[in-house]
Amino acid sequence: MSQTASVWLVVLLALVMANMPFISNRLFAVIALKSPKNLAMRLAEMVVWYLLVGALGLYLEQRNGQIAPQGWEFYAITGTLFLTFAFPGFTYRYLFKHRS
């Protein structure tokens, strides 16, 4: 896989996974819960998805060559980018009126 394809794969996966906690009522889109998820559970799930997408990005970077050292700035920017990607799912879940 080329480096450009790896970057786009990680970006698209981050976009999908950032919205997954707000779209699915299941924990990690697999585990059925007895009570509905609250915002804290959704944010915790989003942190786990962020770490998993980051691990995939790290793996793809390592496979293409040497891993570049990252400081706290990198994680602050990617974390806020992940939160920005989650905005459509948050809007759908909490700001739209749903018919019962």
N, C-alpha and C. Protein backbone atom coordinates (compact mmCIF):
# COMPACT_ATOMS: atom_id res chain seq x y z
N MET A 1 0.85 -1.17 0.00
CA MET A 1 0.00 0.00 0.00
C MET A 1 0.90 1.23 0.00
N SER A 2 0.57 2.19 -0.84
CA SER A 2 1.38 3.40 -0.92
C SER A 2 1.15 4.28 0.31
N GLN A 3 2.03 5.23 0.50
CA GLN A 3 1.93 6.12 1.65
C GLN A 3 0.68 6.99 1.55
N THR A 4 0.34 7.44 0.36
CA THR A 4 -0.86 8.26 0.18
C THR A 4 -2.12 7.46 0.50
N ALA A 5 -2.17 6.22 0.05
CA ALA A 5 -3.32 5.37 0.35
C ALA A 5 -3.42 5.10 1.84
N SER A 6 -2.30 4.92 2.51
CA SER A 6 -2.30 4.69 3.96
C SER A 6 -2.86 5.90 4.71
N VAL A 7 -2.45 7.09 4.28
CA VAL A 7 -2.93 8.31 4.93
C VAL A 7 -4.43 8.45 4.75
N TRP A 8 -4.94 8.24 3.53
CA TRP A 8 -6.37 8.36 3.29
C TRP A 8 -7.15 7.28 4.02
N LEU A 9 -6.60 6.09 4.13
CA LEU A 9 -7.26 5.03 4.88
C LEU A 9 -7.43 5.43 6.34
N VAL A 10 -6.39 5.98 6.94
CA VAL A 10 -6.46 6.38 8.35
C VAL A 10 -7.44 7.54 8.53
N VAL A 11 -7.44 8.49 7.63
CA VAL A 11 -8.34 9.64 7.73
C VAL A 11 -9.80 9.19 7.60
N LEU A 12 -10.10 8.35 6.61
CA LEU A 12 -11.47 7.87 6.44
C LEU A 12 -11.92 6.98 7.59
N LEU A 13 -11.01 6.15 8.08
CA LEU A 13 -11.34 5.31 9.23
C LEU A 13 -11.59 6.17 10.47
N ALA A 14 -10.80 7.22 10.64
CA ALA A 14 -11.01 8.13 11.77
C ALA A 14 -12.36 8.82 11.67
N LEU A 15 -12.76 9.20 10.47
CA LEU A 15 -14.06 9.84 10.27
C LEU A 15 -15.20 8.89 10.65
N VAL A 16 -15.11 7.65 10.24
CA VAL A 16 -16.15 6.68 10.54
C VAL A 16 -16.15 6.33 12.04
N MET A 17 -14.98 6.07 12.59
CA MET A 17 -14.91 5.64 13.99
C MET A 17 -15.23 6.76 14.97
N ALA A 18 -15.00 8.01 14.59
CA ALA A 18 -15.35 9.12 15.47
C ALA A 18 -16.86 9.25 15.61
N ASN A 19 -17.60 8.86 14.57
CA ASN A 19 -19.05 8.94 14.61
C ASN A 19 -19.72 7.68 15.14
N MET A 20 -18.98 6.60 15.22
CA MET A 20 -19.56 5.32 15.64
C MET A 20 -20.21 5.36 17.03
N PRO A 21 -19.64 6.00 18.04
CA PRO A 21 -20.31 6.01 19.34
C PRO A 21 -21.67 6.70 19.32
N PHE A 22 -21.85 7.65 18.42
CA PHE A 22 -23.11 8.40 18.37
C PHE A 22 -24.14 7.75 17.46
N ILE A 23 -23.70 6.95 16.52
CA ILE A 23 -24.62 6.30 15.59
C ILE A 23 -25.17 5.01 16.18
N SER A 24 -24.30 4.22 16.82
CA SER A 24 -24.70 2.92 17.33
C SER A 24 -25.04 3.01 18.82
N ASN A 25 -26.09 2.29 19.22
CA ASN A 25 -26.45 2.21 20.63
C ASN A 25 -25.75 1.06 21.34
N ARG A 26 -24.97 0.29 20.59
CA ARG A 26 -24.22 -0.81 21.18
C ARG A 26 -22.82 -0.32 21.55
N LEU A 27 -22.24 -0.93 22.55
CA LEU A 27 -20.89 -0.59 22.96
C LEU A 27 -19.90 -1.14 21.94
N PHE A 28 -19.10 -0.30 21.35
CA PHE A 28 -18.15 -0.63 20.29
C PHE A 28 -18.85 -1.28 19.09
N ALA A 29 -20.11 -0.92 18.89
CA ALA A 29 -20.94 -1.40 17.78
C ALA A 29 -21.13 -2.92 17.80
N VAL A 30 -20.84 -3.56 18.94
CA VAL A 30 -20.96 -5.02 19.01
C VAL A 30 -21.75 -5.46 20.24
N ILE A 31 -21.44 -4.93 21.40
CA ILE A 31 -21.97 -5.40 22.67
C ILE A 31 -23.28 -4.69 22.99
N ALA A 32 -24.37 -5.45 23.11
CA ALA A 32 -25.67 -4.89 23.46
C ALA A 32 -25.69 -4.51 24.94
N LEU A 33 -26.24 -3.34 25.23
CA LEU A 33 -26.32 -2.86 26.61
C LEU A 33 -27.76 -2.92 27.10
N LYS A 34 -27.93 -3.08 28.41
CA LYS A 34 -29.28 -3.13 28.97
C LYS A 34 -29.88 -1.74 29.07
N SER A 35 -29.05 -0.74 29.34
CA SER A 35 -29.53 0.64 29.41
C SER A 35 -28.86 1.45 28.30
N PRO A 36 -29.51 2.52 27.86
CA PRO A 36 -28.91 3.32 26.79
C PRO A 36 -27.60 3.98 27.22
N LYS A 37 -26.74 4.21 26.25
CA LYS A 37 -25.46 4.86 26.54
C LYS A 37 -25.69 6.34 26.84
N ASN A 38 -24.97 6.84 27.83
CA ASN A 38 -25.01 8.27 28.11
C ASN A 38 -23.82 8.95 27.44
N LEU A 39 -23.73 10.25 27.55
CA LEU A 39 -22.68 11.00 26.88
C LEU A 39 -21.29 10.60 27.37
N ALA A 40 -21.15 10.32 28.66
CA ALA A 40 -19.84 9.93 29.20
C ALA A 40 -19.37 8.61 28.59
N MET A 41 -20.28 7.66 28.44
CA MET A 41 -19.91 6.38 27.82
C MET A 41 -19.53 6.58 26.36
N ARG A 42 -20.25 7.45 25.68
CA ARG A 42 -19.94 7.71 24.27
C ARG A 42 -18.58 8.36 24.12
N LEU A 43 -18.24 9.30 25.02
CA LEU A 43 -16.93 9.95 24.95
C LEU A 43 -15.81 8.97 25.29
N ALA A 44 -16.04 8.10 26.27
CA ALA A 44 -15.04 7.08 26.61
C ALA A 44 -14.83 6.12 25.44
N GLU A 45 -15.91 5.74 24.79
CA GLU A 45 -15.81 4.87 23.62
C GLU A 45 -15.05 5.59 22.49
N MET A 46 -15.29 6.88 22.36
CA MET A 46 -14.59 7.65 21.33
C MET A 46 -13.09 7.70 21.60
N VAL A 47 -12.69 7.77 22.86
CA VAL A 47 -11.26 7.75 23.20
C VAL A 47 -10.64 6.41 22.81
N VAL A 48 -11.36 5.33 23.04
CA VAL A 48 -10.85 4.00 22.66
C VAL A 48 -10.72 3.91 21.15
N TRP A 49 -11.72 4.41 20.41
CA TRP A 49 -11.63 4.39 18.95
C TRP A 49 -10.45 5.24 18.48
N TYR A 50 -10.21 6.39 19.13
CA TYR A 50 -9.07 7.25 18.78
C TYR A 50 -7.76 6.49 18.95
N LEU A 51 -7.63 5.77 20.04
CA LEU A 51 -6.41 5.01 20.29
C LEU A 51 -6.23 3.88 19.27
N LEU A 52 -7.33 3.21 18.91
CA LEU A 52 -7.23 2.13 17.93
C LEU A 52 -6.88 2.64 16.53
N VAL A 53 -7.48 3.75 16.13
CA VAL A 53 -7.15 4.33 14.82
C VAL A 53 -5.70 4.84 14.84
N GLY A 54 -5.28 5.42 15.95
CA GLY A 54 -3.89 5.85 16.08
C GLY A 54 -2.92 4.69 16.01
N ALA A 55 -3.29 3.56 16.61
CA ALA A 55 -2.43 2.37 16.55
C ALA A 55 -2.33 1.85 15.12
N LEU A 56 -3.43 1.89 14.39
CA LEU A 56 -3.38 1.48 12.98
C LEU A 56 -2.49 2.44 12.18
N GLY A 57 -2.61 3.73 12.42
CA GLY A 57 -1.75 4.70 11.75
C GLY A 57 -0.28 4.50 12.08
N LEU A 58 0.00 4.18 13.32
CA LEU A 58 1.38 3.91 13.74
C LEU A 58 1.92 2.66 13.04
N TYR A 59 1.07 1.63 12.94
CA TYR A 59 1.47 0.40 12.26
C TYR A 59 1.76 0.67 10.78
N LEU A 60 0.88 1.42 10.13
CA LEU A 60 1.09 1.70 8.71
C LEU A 60 2.33 2.56 8.49
N GLU A 61 2.58 3.50 9.41
CA GLU A 61 3.79 4.33 9.29
C GLU A 61 5.04 3.48 9.49
N GLN A 62 5.01 2.57 10.43
CA GLN A 62 6.15 1.69 10.69
C GLN A 62 6.39 0.77 9.50
N ARG A 63 5.32 0.32 8.87
CA ARG A 63 5.45 -0.57 7.72
C ARG A 63 6.04 0.14 6.50
N ASN A 64 5.77 1.44 6.38
CA ASN A 64 6.29 2.21 5.25
C ASN A 64 7.70 2.75 5.49
N GLY A 65 8.18 2.71 6.69
CA GLY A 65 9.52 3.24 6.98
C GLY A 65 9.68 3.50 8.46
N GLN A 66 10.55 4.41 8.78
CA GLN A 66 10.84 4.72 10.18
C GLN A 66 9.73 5.58 10.77
N ILE A 67 9.39 5.32 12.03
CA ILE A 67 8.36 6.08 12.72
C ILE A 67 8.95 7.42 13.15
N ALA A 68 8.26 8.50 12.79
CA ALA A 68 8.71 9.84 13.17
C ALA A 68 8.35 10.09 14.63
N PRO A 69 9.26 10.67 15.42
CA PRO A 69 8.94 10.96 16.82
C PRO A 69 7.88 12.06 16.91
N GLN A 70 6.92 11.89 17.83
CA GLN A 70 5.83 12.85 17.98
C GLN A 70 5.84 13.42 19.39
N GLY A 71 5.57 14.71 19.48
CA GLY A 71 5.43 15.37 20.77
C GLY A 71 3.97 15.51 21.15
N TRP A 72 3.72 16.22 22.23
CA TRP A 72 2.36 16.38 22.72
C TRP A 72 1.50 17.16 21.72
N GLU A 73 2.14 18.01 20.91
CA GLU A 73 1.40 18.81 19.95
C GLU A 73 0.68 17.93 18.93
N PHE A 74 1.35 16.87 18.50
CA PHE A 74 0.75 15.94 17.53
C PHE A 74 -0.52 15.33 18.10
N TYR A 75 -0.48 14.88 19.34
CA TYR A 75 -1.64 14.22 19.94
C TYR A 75 -2.75 15.23 20.24
N ALA A 76 -2.40 16.46 20.57
CA ALA A 76 -3.41 17.49 20.77
C ALA A 76 -4.14 17.80 19.46
N ILE A 77 -3.39 17.89 18.37
CA ILE A 77 -4.01 18.19 17.08
C ILE A 77 -4.84 17.02 16.58
N THR A 78 -4.32 15.79 16.67
CA THR A 78 -5.10 14.65 16.19
C THR A 78 -6.33 14.41 17.07
N GLY A 79 -6.22 14.68 18.37
CA GLY A 79 -7.38 14.54 19.25
C GLY A 79 -8.48 15.54 18.91
N THR A 80 -8.10 16.79 18.66
CA THR A 80 -9.11 17.78 18.27
C THR A 80 -9.67 17.49 16.88
N LEU A 81 -8.84 16.95 15.99
CA LEU A 81 -9.34 16.55 14.67
C LEU A 81 -10.35 15.42 14.81
N PHE A 82 -10.09 14.47 15.71
CA PHE A 82 -11.02 13.37 15.94
C PHE A 82 -12.33 13.91 16.51
N LEU A 83 -12.25 14.88 17.42
CA LEU A 83 -13.47 15.50 17.95
C LEU A 83 -14.24 16.24 16.86
N THR A 84 -13.52 16.89 15.97
CA THR A 84 -14.17 17.59 14.86
C THR A 84 -14.85 16.59 13.93
N PHE A 85 -14.20 15.47 13.68
CA PHE A 85 -14.81 14.42 12.86
C PHE A 85 -16.09 13.88 13.51
N ALA A 86 -16.18 13.91 14.84
CA ALA A 86 -17.33 13.35 15.55
C ALA A 86 -18.54 14.29 15.55
N PHE A 87 -18.37 15.52 15.06
CA PHE A 87 -19.47 16.49 15.13
C PHE A 87 -20.73 16.05 14.39
N PRO A 88 -20.66 15.46 13.19
CA PRO A 88 -21.91 15.03 12.55
C PRO A 88 -22.68 14.00 13.37
N GLY A 89 -22.00 13.04 13.97
CA GLY A 89 -22.67 12.04 14.80
C GLY A 89 -23.27 12.65 16.06
N PHE A 90 -22.54 13.57 16.69
CA PHE A 90 -23.05 14.26 17.87
C PHE A 90 -24.29 15.07 17.51
N THR A 91 -24.24 15.76 16.38
CA THR A 91 -25.39 16.56 15.93
C THR A 91 -26.60 15.67 15.68
N TYR A 92 -26.38 14.54 15.03
CA TYR A 92 -27.48 13.62 14.77
C TYR A 92 -28.08 13.09 16.07
N ARG A 93 -27.23 12.72 17.02
CA ARG A 93 -27.71 12.09 18.26
C ARG A 93 -28.38 13.10 19.20
N TYR A 94 -27.80 14.28 19.38
CA TYR A 94 -28.26 15.16 20.43
C TYR A 94 -28.98 16.44 19.97
N LEU A 95 -28.81 16.84 18.73
CA LEU A 95 -29.42 18.10 18.30
C LEU A 95 -30.61 17.94 17.37
N PHE A 96 -30.74 16.80 16.69
CA PHE A 96 -31.91 16.54 15.86
C PHE A 96 -33.02 15.96 16.72
N LYS A 97 -34.26 16.29 16.36
CA LYS A 97 -35.40 15.69 17.04
C LYS A 97 -35.71 14.36 16.35
N HIS A 98 -35.81 13.29 17.14
CA HIS A 98 -36.10 11.97 16.61
C HIS A 98 -37.54 11.60 16.95
N ARG A 99 -38.21 10.98 16.02
CA ARG A 99 -39.57 10.53 16.26
C ARG A 99 -39.53 9.26 17.11
N SER A 100 -40.42 9.19 18.06
CA SER A 100 -40.42 8.02 18.97
C SER A 100 -41.09 6.83 18.36
